[in-house]
């Protein structure tokens, strides 16, 4: 099967950036990547995402340069406050659909029961 999926970073390059050029310390892809990863990791606030970015900077730099380090909570707040939600929703939906066919033949558990081994009756889930 041919892989037509688009990576998260590729998807994030299509998001319009309305910030003033001279004030940009972080690329849109960096802001979206640290936020996406932080939310998946359980971050509930901009402060949490900033701390996530600081503690996981080495991992994040494997994907993007982060020349100015991780974004601050204020930077994240300002960026997302100015962001138009419609283009990001459209791009995110397009990104999810790009790998939907690949996943249609498999079940992907996202509830965490398998990772916590909380399945029932001694029947182990398929991994």
PDB file of N, CA and C in Angstrom:
ATOM      1  N   UNK A   1       0.844  -1.175   0.000  1.00  0.00           N
ATOM      2  CA  UNK A   1       0.000   0.000   0.000  1.00  0.00           C
ATOM      3  C   UNK A   1       0.892   1.242   0.000  1.00  0.00           C
ATOM      4  N   UNK A   2       0.565   2.225  -0.793  1.00  0.00           N
ATOM      5  CA  UNK A   2       1.324   3.462  -0.882  1.00  0.00           C
ATOM      6  C   UNK A   2       1.004   4.348   0.314  1.00  0.00           C
ATOM      7  N   UNK A   3       2.034   4.982   0.887  1.00  0.00           N
ATOM      8  CA  UNK A   3       1.840   5.847   2.044  1.00  0.00           C
ATOM      9  C   UNK A   3       1.611   7.272   1.571  1.00  0.00           C
ATOM     10  N   UNK A   4       0.350   7.719   1.657  1.00  0.00           N
ATOM     11  CA  UNK A   4      -0.010   9.071   1.271  1.00  0.00           C
ATOM     12  C   UNK A   4      -0.231   9.963   2.483  1.00  0.00           C
ATOM     13  N   UNK A   5       0.135   9.472   3.653  1.00  0.00           N
ATOM     14  CA  UNK A   5      -0.118  10.247   4.857  1.00  0.00           C
ATOM     15  C   UNK A   5       0.803  11.459   4.929  1.00  0.00           C
ATOM     16  N   UNK A   6       0.326  12.468   5.608  1.00  0.00           N
ATOM     17  CA  UNK A   6       1.062  13.700   5.805  1.00  0.00           C
ATOM     18  C   UNK A   6       1.392  13.780   7.286  1.00  0.00           C
ATOM     19  N   UNK A   7       2.636  14.076   7.599  1.00  0.00           N
ATOM     20  CA  UNK A   7       3.037  14.183   8.991  1.00  0.00           C
ATOM     21  C   UNK A   7       2.471  15.426   9.649  1.00  0.00           C
ATOM     22  N   UNK A   8       2.480  15.428  10.971  1.00  0.00           N
ATOM     23  CA  UNK A   8       1.948  16.561  11.722  1.00  0.00           C
ATOM     24  C   UNK A   8       2.671  17.856  11.367  1.00  0.00           C
ATOM     25  N   UNK A   9       3.977  17.786  11.226  1.00  0.00           N
ATOM     26  CA  UNK A   9       4.739  18.995  10.914  1.00  0.00           C
ATOM     27  C   UNK A   9       4.379  19.495   9.516  1.00  0.00           C
ATOM     28  N   UNK A  10       4.187  18.586   8.563  1.00  0.00           N
ATOM     29  CA  UNK A  10       3.753  18.986   7.217  1.00  0.00           C
ATOM     30  C   UNK A  10       2.399  19.686   7.282  1.00  0.00           C
ATOM     31  N   UNK A  11       1.490  19.127   8.067  1.00  0.00           N
ATOM     32  CA  UNK A  11       0.163  19.710   8.224  1.00  0.00           C
ATOM     33  C   UNK A  11       0.262  21.118   8.819  1.00  0.00           C
ATOM     34  N   UNK A  12       1.140  21.287   9.803  1.00  0.00           N
ATOM     35  CA  UNK A  12       1.214  22.568  10.498  1.00  0.00           C
ATOM     36  C   UNK A  12       1.793  23.680   9.625  1.00  0.00           C
ATOM     37  N   UNK A  13       2.487  23.331   8.569  1.00  0.00           N
ATOM     38  CA  UNK A  13       3.044  24.350   7.659  1.00  0.00           C
ATOM     39  C   UNK A  13       1.946  25.063   6.875  1.00  0.00           C
ATOM     40  N   UNK A  14       0.751  24.497   6.830  1.00  0.00           N
ATOM     41  CA  UNK A  14      -0.354  25.102   6.084  1.00  0.00           C
ATOM     42  C   UNK A  14      -1.183  26.064   6.926  1.00  0.00           C
ATOM     43  N   UNK A  15      -0.835  26.233   8.192  1.00  0.00           N
ATOM     44  CA  UNK A  15      -1.589  27.121   9.079  1.00  0.00           C
ATOM     45  C   UNK A  15      -1.103  28.556   8.864  1.00  0.00           C
ATOM     46  N   UNK A  16      -2.013  29.486   8.567  1.00  0.00           N
ATOM     47  CA  UNK A  16      -1.604  30.882   8.366  1.00  0.00           C
ATOM     48  C   UNK A  16      -1.061  31.494   9.662  1.00  0.00           C
ATOM     49  N   UNK A  17      -0.028  32.301   9.526  1.00  0.00           N
ATOM     50  CA  UNK A  17       0.601  32.961  10.675  1.00  0.00           C
ATOM     51  C   UNK A  17       0.344  34.461  10.576  1.00  0.00           C
ATOM     52  N   UNK A  18      -0.425  34.993  11.511  1.00  0.00           N
ATOM     53  CA  UNK A  18      -0.814  36.400  11.471  1.00  0.00           C
ATOM     54  C   UNK A  18       0.074  37.282  12.348  1.00  0.00           C
ATOM     55  N   UNK A  19       1.138  36.729  12.891  1.00  0.00           N
ATOM     56  CA  UNK A  19       1.998  37.510  13.783  1.00  0.00           C
ATOM     57  C   UNK A  19       2.858  38.498  12.990  1.00  0.00           C
ATOM     58  N   UNK A  20       3.314  39.537  13.674  1.00  0.00           N
ATOM     59  CA  UNK A  20       4.222  40.523  13.076  1.00  0.00           C
ATOM     60  C   UNK A  20       5.568  39.850  12.862  1.00  0.00           C
ATOM     61  N   UNK A  21       6.091  39.970  11.658  1.00  0.00           N
ATOM     62  CA  UNK A  21       7.295  39.239  11.262  1.00  0.00           C
ATOM     63  C   UNK A  21       8.473  39.464  12.211  1.00  0.00           C
ATOM     64  N   UNK A  22       8.720  40.687  12.607  1.00  0.00           N
ATOM     65  CA  UNK A  22       9.901  40.986  13.429  1.00  0.00           C
ATOM     66  C   UNK A  22       9.790  40.444  14.861  1.00  0.00           C
ATOM     67  N   UNK A  23       8.596  40.037  15.266  1.00  0.00           N
ATOM     68  CA  UNK A  23       8.407  39.543  16.632  1.00  0.00           C
ATOM     69  C   UNK A  23       8.346  38.021  16.715  1.00  0.00           C
ATOM     70  N   UNK A  24       8.555  37.361  15.601  1.00  0.00           N
ATOM     71  CA  UNK A  24       8.459  35.905  15.577  1.00  0.00           C
ATOM     72  C   UNK A  24       9.755  35.270  16.062  1.00  0.00           C
ATOM     73  N   UNK A  25       9.708  34.633  17.223  1.00  0.00           N
ATOM     74  CA  UNK A  25      10.866  33.896  17.722  1.00  0.00           C
ATOM     75  C   UNK A  25      10.719  32.401  17.477  1.00  0.00           C
ATOM     76  N   UNK A  26       9.485  31.951  17.239  1.00  0.00           N
ATOM     77  CA  UNK A  26       9.216  30.528  17.030  1.00  0.00           C
ATOM     78  C   UNK A  26       8.383  30.346  15.777  1.00  0.00           C
ATOM     79  N   UNK A  27       8.710  29.326  15.024  1.00  0.00           N
ATOM     80  CA  UNK A  27       7.938  28.990  13.833  1.00  0.00           C
ATOM     81  C   UNK A  27       6.576  28.422  14.253  1.00  0.00           C
ATOM     82  N   UNK A  28       5.602  28.566  13.362  1.00  0.00           N
ATOM     83  CA  UNK A  28       4.265  28.013  13.622  1.00  0.00           C
ATOM     84  C   UNK A  28       4.365  26.521  13.938  1.00  0.00           C
ATOM     85  N   UNK A  29       5.199  25.812  13.172  1.00  0.00           N
ATOM     86  CA  UNK A  29       5.348  24.371  13.389  1.00  0.00           C
ATOM     87  C   UNK A  29       5.834  24.061  14.802  1.00  0.00           C
ATOM     88  N   UNK A  30       6.721  24.883  15.335  1.00  0.00           N
ATOM     89  CA  UNK A  30       7.224  24.664  16.691  1.00  0.00           C
ATOM     90  C   UNK A  30       6.135  24.882  17.728  1.00  0.00           C
ATOM     91  N   UNK A  31       5.373  25.950  17.552  1.00  0.00           N
ATOM     92  CA  UNK A  31       4.294  26.252  18.498  1.00  0.00           C
ATOM     93  C   UNK A  31       3.237  25.153  18.498  1.00  0.00           C
ATOM     94  N   UNK A  32       2.880  24.685  17.310  1.00  0.00           N
ATOM     95  CA  UNK A  32       1.865  23.641  17.222  1.00  0.00           C
ATOM     96  C   UNK A  32       2.394  22.294  17.715  1.00  0.00           C
ATOM     97  N   UNK A  33       3.652  21.980  17.415  1.00  0.00           N
ATOM     98  CA  UNK A  33       4.209  20.695  17.844  1.00  0.00           C
ATOM     99  C   UNK A  33       4.307  20.605  19.358  1.00  0.00           C
ATOM    100  N   UNK A  34       4.853  21.636  20.002  1.00  0.00           N
ATOM    101  CA  UNK A  34       4.980  21.584  21.460  1.00  0.00           C
ATOM    102  C   UNK A  34       3.598  21.539  22.115  1.00  0.00           C
ATOM    103  N   UNK A  35       2.623  22.228  21.542  1.00  0.00           N
ATOM    104  CA  UNK A  35       1.267  22.210  22.101  1.00  0.00           C
ATOM    105  C   UNK A  35       0.608  20.860  21.891  1.00  0.00           C
ATOM    106  N   UNK A  36       0.706  20.323  20.692  1.00  0.00           N
ATOM    107  CA  UNK A  36       0.106  19.018  20.382  1.00  0.00           C
ATOM    108  C   UNK A  36       0.686  17.929  21.281  1.00  0.00           C
ATOM    109  N   UNK A  37       2.006  17.884  21.362  1.00  0.00           N
ATOM    110  CA  UNK A  37       2.654  16.864  22.206  1.00  0.00           C
ATOM    111  C   UNK A  37       2.316  17.080  23.682  1.00  0.00           C
ATOM    112  N   UNK A  38       2.312  18.335  24.103  1.00  0.00           N
ATOM    113  CA  UNK A  38       1.998  18.637  25.491  1.00  0.00           C
ATOM    114  C   UNK A  38       0.588  18.224  25.872  1.00  0.00           C
ATOM    115  N   UNK A  39      -0.365  18.504  25.016  1.00  0.00           N
ATOM    116  CA  UNK A  39      -1.754  18.127  25.300  1.00  0.00           C
ATOM    117  C   UNK A  39      -1.896  16.604  25.350  1.00  0.00           C
ATOM    118  N   UNK A  40      -1.255  15.911  24.418  1.00  0.00           N
ATOM    119  CA  UNK A  40      -1.302  14.444  24.431  1.00  0.00           C
ATOM    120  C   UNK A  40      -0.675  13.901  25.718  1.00  0.00           C
ATOM    121  N   UNK A  41       0.347  14.599  26.222  1.00  0.00           N
ATOM    122  CA  UNK A  41       1.022  14.166  27.446  1.00  0.00           C
ATOM    123  C   UNK A  41       0.256  14.550  28.705  1.00  0.00           C
ATOM    124  N   UNK A  42      -0.861  15.262  28.559  1.00  0.00           N
ATOM    125  CA  UNK A  42      -1.697  15.578  29.711  1.00  0.00           C
ATOM    126  C   UNK A  42      -1.613  17.005  30.206  1.00  0.00           C
ATOM    127  N   UNK A  43      -0.982  17.892  29.458  1.00  0.00           N
ATOM    128  CA  UNK A  43      -0.899  19.291  29.871  1.00  0.00           C
ATOM    129  C   UNK A  43      -2.287  19.931  29.827  1.00  0.00           C
ATOM    130  N   UNK A  44      -2.598  20.705  30.870  1.00  0.00           N
ATOM    131  CA  UNK A  44      -3.912  21.342  30.971  1.00  0.00           C
ATOM    132  C   UNK A  44      -3.886  22.856  30.839  1.00  0.00           C
ATOM    133  N   UNK A  45      -2.692  23.442  30.795  1.00  0.00           N
ATOM    134  CA  UNK A  45      -2.608  24.902  30.738  1.00  0.00           C
ATOM    135  C   UNK A  45      -1.389  25.309  29.909  1.00  0.00           C
ATOM    136  N   UNK A  46      -1.323  26.605  29.604  1.00  0.00           N
ATOM    137  CA  UNK A  46      -0.173  27.119  28.866  1.00  0.00           C
ATOM    138  C   UNK A  46       1.102  26.956  29.700  1.00  0.00           C
ATOM    139  N   UNK A  47       0.976  27.142  31.017  1.00  0.00           N
ATOM    140  CA  UNK A  47       2.134  26.930  31.903  1.00  0.00           C
ATOM    141  C   UNK A  47       2.629  25.491  31.820  1.00  0.00           C
ATOM    142  N   UNK A  48       1.694  24.541  31.799  1.00  0.00           N
ATOM    143  CA  UNK A  48       2.063  23.129  31.678  1.00  0.00           C
ATOM    144  C   UNK A  48       2.777  22.859  30.355  1.00  0.00           C
ATOM    145  N   UNK A  49       2.276  23.465  29.286  1.00  0.00           N
ATOM    146  CA  UNK A  49       2.882  23.248  27.968  1.00  0.00           C
ATOM    147  C   UNK A  49       4.276  23.873  27.923  1.00  0.00           C
ATOM    148  N   UNK A  50       4.448  25.034  28.533  1.00  0.00           N
ATOM    149  CA  UNK A  50       5.779  25.641  28.600  1.00  0.00           C
ATOM    150  C   UNK A  50       6.746  24.718  29.349  1.00  0.00           C
ATOM    151  N   UNK A  51       6.322  24.186  30.490  1.00  0.00           N
ATOM    152  CA  UNK A  51       7.165  23.270  31.264  1.00  0.00           C
ATOM    153  C   UNK A  51       7.464  22.002  30.463  1.00  0.00           C
ATOM    154  N   UNK A  52       6.464  21.483  29.759  1.00  0.00           N
ATOM    155  CA  UNK A  52       6.666  20.319  28.896  1.00  0.00           C
ATOM    156  C   UNK A  52       7.742  20.633  27.856  1.00  0.00           C
ATOM    157  N   UNK A  53       7.641  21.800  27.219  1.00  0.00           N
ATOM    158  CA  UNK A  53       8.620  22.197  26.209  1.00  0.00           C
ATOM    159  C   UNK A  53      10.025  22.279  26.776  1.00  0.00           C
ATOM    160  N   UNK A  54      10.142  22.778  27.990  1.00  0.00           N
ATOM    161  CA  UNK A  54      11.468  22.886  28.617  1.00  0.00           C
ATOM    162  C   UNK A  54      12.037  21.507  28.948  1.00  0.00           C
ATOM    163  N   UNK A  55      11.192  20.629  29.474  1.00  0.00           N
ATOM    164  CA  UNK A  55      11.689  19.314  29.898  1.00  0.00           C
ATOM    165  C   UNK A  55      11.891  18.353  28.735  1.00  0.00           C
ATOM    166  N   UNK A  56      11.188  18.553  27.646  1.00  0.00           N
ATOM    167  CA  UNK A  56      11.285  17.661  26.482  1.00  0.00           C
ATOM    168  C   UNK A  56      11.939  18.334  25.283  1.00  0.00           C
ATOM    169  N   UNK A  57      12.729  19.365  25.524  1.00  0.00           N
ATOM    170  CA  UNK A  57      13.328  20.122  24.426  1.00  0.00           C
ATOM    171  C   UNK A  57      14.220  19.244  23.544  1.00  0.00           C
ATOM    172  N   UNK A  58      14.965  18.349  24.144  1.00  0.00           N
ATOM    173  CA  UNK A  58      15.842  17.466  23.348  1.00  0.00           C
ATOM    174  C   UNK A  58      15.009  16.628  22.371  1.00  0.00           C
ATOM    175  N   UNK A  59      13.881  16.114  22.834  1.00  0.00           N
ATOM    176  CA  UNK A  59      12.994  15.338  21.950  1.00  0.00           C
ATOM    177  C   UNK A  59      12.428  16.234  20.849  1.00  0.00           C
ATOM    178  N   UNK A  60      11.942  17.412  21.224  1.00  0.00           N
ATOM    179  CA  UNK A  60      11.347  18.318  20.245  1.00  0.00           C
ATOM    180  C   UNK A  60      12.364  18.744  19.185  1.00  0.00           C
ATOM    181  N   UNK A  61      13.623  18.905  19.586  1.00  0.00           N
ATOM    182  CA  UNK A  61      14.668  19.312  18.646  1.00  0.00           C
ATOM    183  C   UNK A  61      15.014  18.208  17.650  1.00  0.00           C
ATOM    184  N   UNK A  62      14.581  17.006  17.906  1.00  0.00           N
ATOM    185  CA  UNK A  62      14.774  15.935  16.922  1.00  0.00           C
ATOM    186  C   UNK A  62      13.901  16.166  15.697  1.00  0.00           C
ATOM    187  N   UNK A  63      12.866  16.995  15.849  1.00  0.00           N
ATOM    188  CA  UNK A  63      11.903  17.219  14.770  1.00  0.00           C
ATOM    189  C   UNK A  63      11.975  18.622  14.173  1.00  0.00           C
ATOM    190  N   UNK A  64      12.268  19.617  15.016  1.00  0.00           N
ATOM    191  CA  UNK A  64      12.353  21.011  14.572  1.00  0.00           C
ATOM    192  C   UNK A  64      13.483  21.704  15.329  1.00  0.00           C
ATOM    193  N   UNK A  65      14.022  22.802  14.790  1.00  0.00           N
ATOM    194  CA  UNK A  65      15.220  23.390  15.403  1.00  0.00           C
ATOM    195  C   UNK A  65      15.039  24.031  16.785  1.00  0.00           C
ATOM    196  N   UNK A  66      13.928  24.675  17.055  1.00  0.00           N
ATOM    197  CA  UNK A  66      13.713  25.376  18.324  1.00  0.00           C
ATOM    198  C   UNK A  66      14.947  26.222  18.669  1.00  0.00           C
ATOM    199  N   UNK A  67      15.401  27.047  17.703  1.00  0.00           N
ATOM    200  CA  UNK A  67      16.596  27.875  17.882  1.00  0.00           C
ATOM    201  C   UNK A  67      16.490  28.795  19.096  1.00  0.00           C
ATOM    202  N   UNK A  68      15.293  29.246  19.410  1.00  0.00           N
ATOM    203  CA  UNK A  68      15.086  30.151  20.541  1.00  0.00           C
ATOM    204  C   UNK A  68      14.540  29.429  21.772  1.00  0.00           C
ATOM    205  N   UNK A  69      14.753  28.133  21.828  1.00  0.00           N
ATOM    206  CA  UNK A  69      14.258  27.355  22.967  1.00  0.00           C
ATOM    207  C   UNK A  69      12.762  27.141  22.874  1.00  0.00           C
ATOM    208  N   UNK A  70      12.181  26.588  23.920  1.00  0.00           N
ATOM    209  CA  UNK A  70      10.736  26.362  23.903  1.00  0.00           C
ATOM    210  C   UNK A  70       9.983  27.678  24.088  1.00  0.00           C
ATOM    211  N   UNK A  71       8.785  27.779  23.532  1.00  0.00           N
ATOM    212  CA  UNK A  71       8.013  29.012  23.688  1.00  0.00           C
ATOM    213  C   UNK A  71       7.509  29.173  25.121  1.00  0.00           C
ATOM    214  N   UNK A  72       7.369  30.411  25.535  1.00  0.00           N
ATOM    215  CA  UNK A  72       6.833  30.689  26.871  1.00  0.00           C
ATOM    216  C   UNK A  72       5.316  30.523  26.862  1.00  0.00           C
ATOM    217  N   UNK A  73       4.755  30.470  28.053  1.00  0.00           N
ATOM    218  CA  UNK A  73       3.296  30.373  28.150  1.00  0.00           C
ATOM    219  C   UNK A  73       2.639  31.611  27.550  1.00  0.00           C
ATOM    220  N   UNK A  74       3.247  32.789  27.711  1.00  0.00           N
ATOM    221  CA  UNK A  74       2.687  34.009  27.126  1.00  0.00           C
ATOM    222  C   UNK A  74       2.714  33.974  25.599  1.00  0.00           C
ATOM    223  N   UNK A  75       3.801  33.462  25.036  1.00  0.00           N
ATOM    224  CA  UNK A  75       3.902  33.333  23.583  1.00  0.00           C
ATOM    225  C   UNK A  75       2.822  32.409  23.061  1.00  0.00           C
ATOM    226  N   UNK A  76       2.651  31.263  23.715  1.00  0.00           N
ATOM    227  CA  UNK A  76       1.616  30.310  23.296  1.00  0.00           C
ATOM    228  C   UNK A  76       0.229  30.935  23.389  1.00  0.00           C
ATOM    229  N   UNK A  77      -0.036  31.609  24.486  1.00  0.00           N
ATOM    230  CA  UNK A  77      -1.339  32.243  24.703  1.00  0.00           C
ATOM    231  C   UNK A  77      -1.624  33.270  23.602  1.00  0.00           C
ATOM    232  N   UNK A  78      -0.658  34.137  23.321  1.00  0.00           N
ATOM    233  CA  UNK A  78      -0.852  35.163  22.284  1.00  0.00           C
ATOM    234  C   UNK A  78      -1.039  34.541  20.904  1.00  0.00           C
ATOM    235  N   UNK A  79      -0.239  33.523  20.600  1.00  0.00           N
ATOM    236  CA  UNK A  79      -0.336  32.873  19.295  1.00  0.00           C
ATOM    237  C   UNK A  79      -1.718  32.255  19.088  1.00  0.00           C
ATOM    238  N   UNK A  80      -2.184  31.491  20.063  1.00  0.00           N
ATOM    239  CA  UNK A  80      -3.465  30.812  19.894  1.00  0.00           C
ATOM    240  C   UNK A  80      -4.644  31.770  19.994  1.00  0.00           C
ATOM    241  N   UNK A  81      -4.480  32.867  20.695  1.00  0.00           N
ATOM    242  CA  UNK A  81      -5.545  33.864  20.765  1.00  0.00           C
ATOM    243  C   UNK A  81      -5.746  34.514  19.393  1.00  0.00           C
ATOM    244  N   UNK A  82      -4.652  34.714  18.636  1.00  0.00           N
ATOM    245  CA  UNK A  82      -4.723  35.354  17.324  1.00  0.00           C
ATOM    246  C   UNK A  82      -5.034  34.372  16.196  1.00  0.00           C
ATOM    247  N   UNK A  83      -4.945  33.090  16.483  1.00  0.00           N
ATOM    248  CA  UNK A  83      -5.119  32.070  15.450  1.00  0.00           C
ATOM    249  C   UNK A  83      -6.577  31.952  15.031  1.00  0.00           C
ATOM    250  N   UNK A  84      -6.808  31.913  13.736  1.00  0.00           N
ATOM    251  CA  UNK A  84      -8.150  31.697  13.201  1.00  0.00           C
ATOM    252  C   UNK A  84      -8.444  30.200  13.283  1.00  0.00           C
ATOM    253  N   UNK A  85      -9.477  29.781  14.011  1.00  0.00           N
ATOM    254  CA  UNK A  85      -9.724  28.351  14.217  1.00  0.00           C
ATOM    255  C   UNK A  85     -10.170  27.597  12.961  1.00  0.00           C
ATOM    256  N   UNK A  86     -10.772  28.260  12.008  1.00  0.00           N
ATOM    257  CA  UNK A  86     -11.276  27.548  10.829  1.00  0.00           C
ATOM    258  C   UNK A  86     -10.172  26.916   9.977  1.00  0.00           C
ATOM    259  N   UNK A  87      -9.100  27.648   9.640  1.00  0.00           N
ATOM    260  CA  UNK A  87      -8.034  26.993   8.862  1.00  0.00           C
ATOM    261  C   UNK A  87      -7.357  25.851   9.620  1.00  0.00           C
ATOM    262  N   UNK A  88      -7.177  26.013  10.922  1.00  0.00           N
ATOM    263  CA  UNK A  88      -6.519  24.936  11.675  1.00  0.00           C
ATOM    264  C   UNK A  88      -7.428  23.712  11.745  1.00  0.00           C
ATOM    265  N   UNK A  89      -8.723  23.925  11.874  1.00  0.00           N
ATOM    266  CA  UNK A  89      -9.657  22.794  11.881  1.00  0.00           C
ATOM    267  C   UNK A  89      -9.647  22.082  10.532  1.00  0.00           C
ATOM    268  N   UNK A  90      -9.651  22.843   9.455  1.00  0.00           N
ATOM    269  CA  UNK A  90      -9.645  22.251   8.117  1.00  0.00           C
ATOM    270  C   UNK A  90      -8.359  21.469   7.873  1.00  0.00           C
ATOM    271  N   UNK A  91      -7.221  22.046   8.255  1.00  0.00           N
ATOM    272  CA  UNK A  91      -5.936  21.355   8.062  1.00  0.00           C
ATOM    273  C   UNK A  91      -5.834  20.112   8.938  1.00  0.00           C
ATOM    274  N   UNK A  92      -6.298  20.217  10.179  1.00  0.00           N
ATOM    275  CA  UNK A  92      -6.236  19.073  11.087  1.00  0.00           C
ATOM    276  C   UNK A  92      -7.121  17.937  10.569  1.00  0.00           C
ATOM    277  N   UNK A  93      -8.309  18.280  10.104  1.00  0.00           N
ATOM    278  CA  UNK A  93      -9.218  17.272   9.547  1.00  0.00           C
ATOM    279  C   UNK A  93      -8.588  16.600   8.329  1.00  0.00           C
ATOM    280  N   UNK A  94      -7.970  17.388   7.475  1.00  0.00           N
ATOM    281  CA  UNK A  94      -7.294  16.840   6.289  1.00  0.00           C
ATOM    282  C   UNK A  94      -6.159  15.908   6.715  1.00  0.00           C
ATOM    283  N   UNK A  95      -5.407  16.293   7.731  1.00  0.00           N
ATOM    284  CA  UNK A  95      -4.307  15.461   8.221  1.00  0.00           C
ATOM    285  C   UNK A  95      -4.826  14.130   8.762  1.00  0.00           C
ATOM    286  N   UNK A  96      -5.878  14.165   9.557  1.00  0.00           N
ATOM    287  CA  UNK A  96      -6.446  12.931  10.116  1.00  0.00           C
ATOM    288  C   UNK A  96      -6.961  12.036   9.003  1.00  0.00           C
ATOM    289  N   UNK A  97      -7.636  12.616   8.026  1.00  0.00           N
ATOM    290  CA  UNK A  97      -8.160  11.825   6.909  1.00  0.00           C
ATOM    291  C   UNK A  97      -7.043  11.198   6.085  1.00  0.00           C
ATOM    292  N   UNK A  98      -5.855  11.797   6.083  1.00  0.00           N
ATOM    293  CA  UNK A  98      -4.751  11.272   5.273  1.00  0.00           C
ATOM    294  C   UNK A  98      -4.283   9.909   5.752  1.00  0.00           C
ATOM    295  N   UNK A  99      -4.493   9.592   7.008  1.00  0.00           N
ATOM    296  CA  UNK A  99      -4.105   8.260   7.478  1.00  0.00           C
ATOM    297  C   UNK A  99      -5.294   7.430   7.949  1.00  0.00           C
ATOM    298  N   UNK A 100      -6.490   7.901   7.698  1.00  0.00           N
ATOM    299  CA  UNK A 100      -7.698   7.191   8.106  1.00  0.00           C
ATOM    300  C   UNK A 100      -7.829   5.840   7.416  1.00  0.00           C
ATOM    301  N   UNK A 101      -7.534   5.751   6.130  1.00  0.00           N
ATOM    302  CA  UNK A 101      -7.656   4.482   5.419  1.00  0.00           C
ATOM    303  C   UNK A 101      -6.693   3.436   5.964  1.00  0.00           C
ATOM    304  N   UNK A 102      -5.492   3.878   6.302  1.00  0.00           N
ATOM    305  CA  UNK A 102      -4.504   2.962   6.851  1.00  0.00           C
ATOM    306  C   UNK A 102      -4.989   2.359   8.173  1.00  0.00           C
ATOM    307  N   UNK A 103      -5.661   3.158   8.977  1.00  0.00           N
ATOM    308  CA  UNK A 103      -6.116   2.695  10.288  1.00  0.00           C
ATOM    309  C   UNK A 103      -7.440   1.935  10.237  1.00  0.00           C
ATOM    310  N   UNK A 104      -8.163   2.015   9.120  1.00  0.00           N
ATOM    311  CA  UNK A 104      -9.484   1.404   9.055  1.00  0.00           C
ATOM    312  C   UNK A 104      -9.434  -0.112   9.199  1.00  0.00           C
ATOM    313  N   UNK A 105      -8.298  -0.729   8.920  1.00  0.00           N
ATOM    314  CA  UNK A 105      -8.202  -2.180   9.034  1.00  0.00           C
ATOM    315  C   UNK A 105      -7.704  -2.623  10.403  1.00  0.00           C
ATOM    316  N   UNK A 106      -7.379  -1.664  11.280  1.00  0.00           N
ATOM    317  CA  UNK A 106      -6.877  -1.997  12.607  1.00  0.00           C
ATOM    318  C   UNK A 106      -7.655  -1.242  13.673  1.00  0.00           C
ATOM    319  N   UNK A 107      -7.633  -1.780  14.866  1.00  0.00           N
ATOM    320  CA  UNK A 107      -8.220  -1.100  16.005  1.00  0.00           C
ATOM    321  C   UNK A 107      -7.083  -0.458  16.782  1.00  0.00           C
ATOM    322  N   UNK A 108      -7.223   0.815  17.087  1.00  0.00           N
ATOM    323  CA  UNK A 108      -6.203   1.525  17.835  1.00  0.00           C
ATOM    324  C   UNK A 108      -6.822   1.939  19.167  1.00  0.00           C
ATOM    325  N   UNK A 109      -6.322   1.376  20.275  1.00  0.00           N
ATOM    326  CA  UNK A 109      -6.847   1.703  21.597  1.00  0.00           C
ATOM    327  C   UNK A 109      -6.258   3.018  22.065  1.00  0.00           C
ATOM    328  N   UNK A 110      -7.124   3.957  22.417  1.00  0.00           N
ATOM    329  CA  UNK A 110      -6.635   5.234  22.909  1.00  0.00           C
ATOM    330  C   UNK A 110      -7.132   5.520  24.322  1.00  0.00           C
ATOM    331  N   UNK A 111      -7.797   4.566  24.941  1.00  0.00           N
ATOM    332  CA  UNK A 111      -8.354   4.808  26.270  1.00  0.00           C
ATOM    333  C   UNK A 111      -7.387   4.488  27.397  1.00  0.00           C
ATOM    334  N   UNK A 112      -6.263   3.861  27.116  1.00  0.00           N
ATOM    335  CA  UNK A 112      -5.259   3.605  28.130  1.00  0.00           C
ATOM    336  C   UNK A 112      -5.421   2.322  28.910  1.00  0.00           C
ATOM    337  N   UNK A 113      -6.489   1.562  28.686  1.00  0.00           N
ATOM    338  CA  UNK A 113      -6.693   0.331  29.450  1.00  0.00           C
ATOM    339  C   UNK A 113      -5.580  -0.678  29.183  1.00  0.00           C
ATOM    340  N   UNK A 114      -5.158  -0.770  27.935  1.00  0.00           N
ATOM    341  CA  UNK A 114      -4.086  -1.712  27.612  1.00  0.00           C
ATOM    342  C   UNK A 114      -2.785  -1.306  28.290  1.00  0.00           C
ATOM    343  N   UNK A 115      -2.488  -0.023  28.285  1.00  0.00           N
ATOM    344  CA  UNK A 115      -1.230   0.422  28.880  1.00  0.00           C
ATOM    345  C   UNK A 115      -1.239   0.278  30.394  1.00  0.00           C
ATOM    346  N   UNK A 116      -2.423   0.279  31.004  1.00  0.00           N
ATOM    347  CA  UNK A 116      -2.526   0.096  32.453  1.00  0.00           C
ATOM    348  C   UNK A 116      -2.828  -1.350  32.826  1.00  0.00           C
ATOM    349  N   UNK A 117      -2.949  -2.228  31.828  1.00  0.00           N
ATOM    350  CA  UNK A 117      -3.280  -3.648  32.048  1.00  0.00           C
ATOM    351  C   UNK A 117      -4.572  -3.813  32.827  1.00  0.00           C
ATOM    352  N   UNK A 118      -5.580  -3.042  32.491  1.00  0.00           N
ATOM    353  CA  UNK A 118      -6.850  -3.134  33.204  1.00  0.00           C
ATOM    354  C   UNK A 118      -7.914  -3.849  32.384  1.00  0.00           C
ATOM    355  N   UNK A 119      -7.499  -4.812  31.572  1.00  0.00           N
ATOM    356  CA  UNK A 119      -8.438  -5.582  30.781  1.00  0.00           C
ATOM    357  C   UNK A 119      -9.073  -6.651  31.660  1.00  0.00           C
ATOM    358  N   UNK A 120     -10.176  -7.237  31.167  1.00  0.00           N
ATOM    359  CA  UNK A 120     -10.970  -8.143  31.985  1.00  0.00           C
ATOM    360  C   UNK A 120     -10.705  -9.614  31.684  1.00  0.00           C
ATOM    361  N   UNK A 121     -10.954 -10.441  32.677  1.00  0.00           N
ATOM    362  CA  UNK A 121     -11.056 -11.878  32.502  1.00  0.00           C
ATOM    363  C   UNK A 121      -9.822 -12.615  32.063  1.00  0.00           C
ATOM    364  N   UNK A 122      -8.638 -12.109  32.261  1.00  0.00           N
ATOM    365  CA  UNK A 122      -7.434 -12.815  31.895  1.00  0.00           C
ATOM    366  C   UNK A 122      -7.210 -12.910  30.394  1.00  0.00           C
ATOM    367  N   UNK A 123      -8.067 -12.288  29.604  1.00  0.00           N
ATOM    368  CA  UNK A 123      -7.900 -12.279  28.149  1.00  0.00           C
ATOM    369  C   UNK A 123      -7.093 -11.043  27.797  1.00  0.00           C
ATOM    370  N   UNK A 124      -5.908 -11.270  27.300  1.00  0.00           N
ATOM    371  CA  UNK A 124      -5.059 -10.134  26.980  1.00  0.00           C
ATOM    372  C   UNK A 124      -5.480  -9.513  25.644  1.00  0.00           C
ATOM    373  N   UNK A 125      -5.430  -8.193  25.577  1.00  0.00           N
ATOM    374  CA  UNK A 125      -5.785  -7.533  24.318  1.00  0.00           C
ATOM    375  C   UNK A 125      -4.704  -7.765  23.265  1.00  0.00           C
ATOM    376  N   UNK A 126      -5.100  -7.654  22.022  1.00  0.00           N
ATOM    377  CA  UNK A 126      -4.132  -7.788  20.930  1.00  0.00           C
ATOM    378  C   UNK A 126      -3.244  -6.558  20.904  1.00  0.00           C
ATOM    379  N   UNK A 127      -1.970  -6.775  20.749  1.00  0.00           N
ATOM    380  CA  UNK A 127      -1.029  -5.652  20.690  1.00  0.00           C
ATOM    381  C   UNK A 127      -0.395  -5.602  19.333  1.00  0.00           C
TER     382      UNK A 127
END
